[in-house]
């Protein structure tokens, strides 16, 4: 598997990999990661893949990352509220 390209995005690192004629797109934001795999025939070439990802997929994944981040933040806050600490003298 080798890196064939990157897609610029202000909040995510987007890496495109290729392996035996197949593509994999990895999107990372903070501790979250999303991977898409495209088999031979799903897209004709790298340009078509980039266009598909940039126009249709990135915005939806970004919204998902925001929703999951919010859920994790709420969970962490709830957990902190439930914890009791011994008084510090």
Foldseek 3Di string as FASTA:
>chain_A
DAWDDWDDDDFWTWTWDDDPQKIKIWIDGDPDIDIDIGHHPNDDDDVRVVCCCVPPPVVVVVVVVVVVVVVVVVVVVVVVVPDDDDDDD
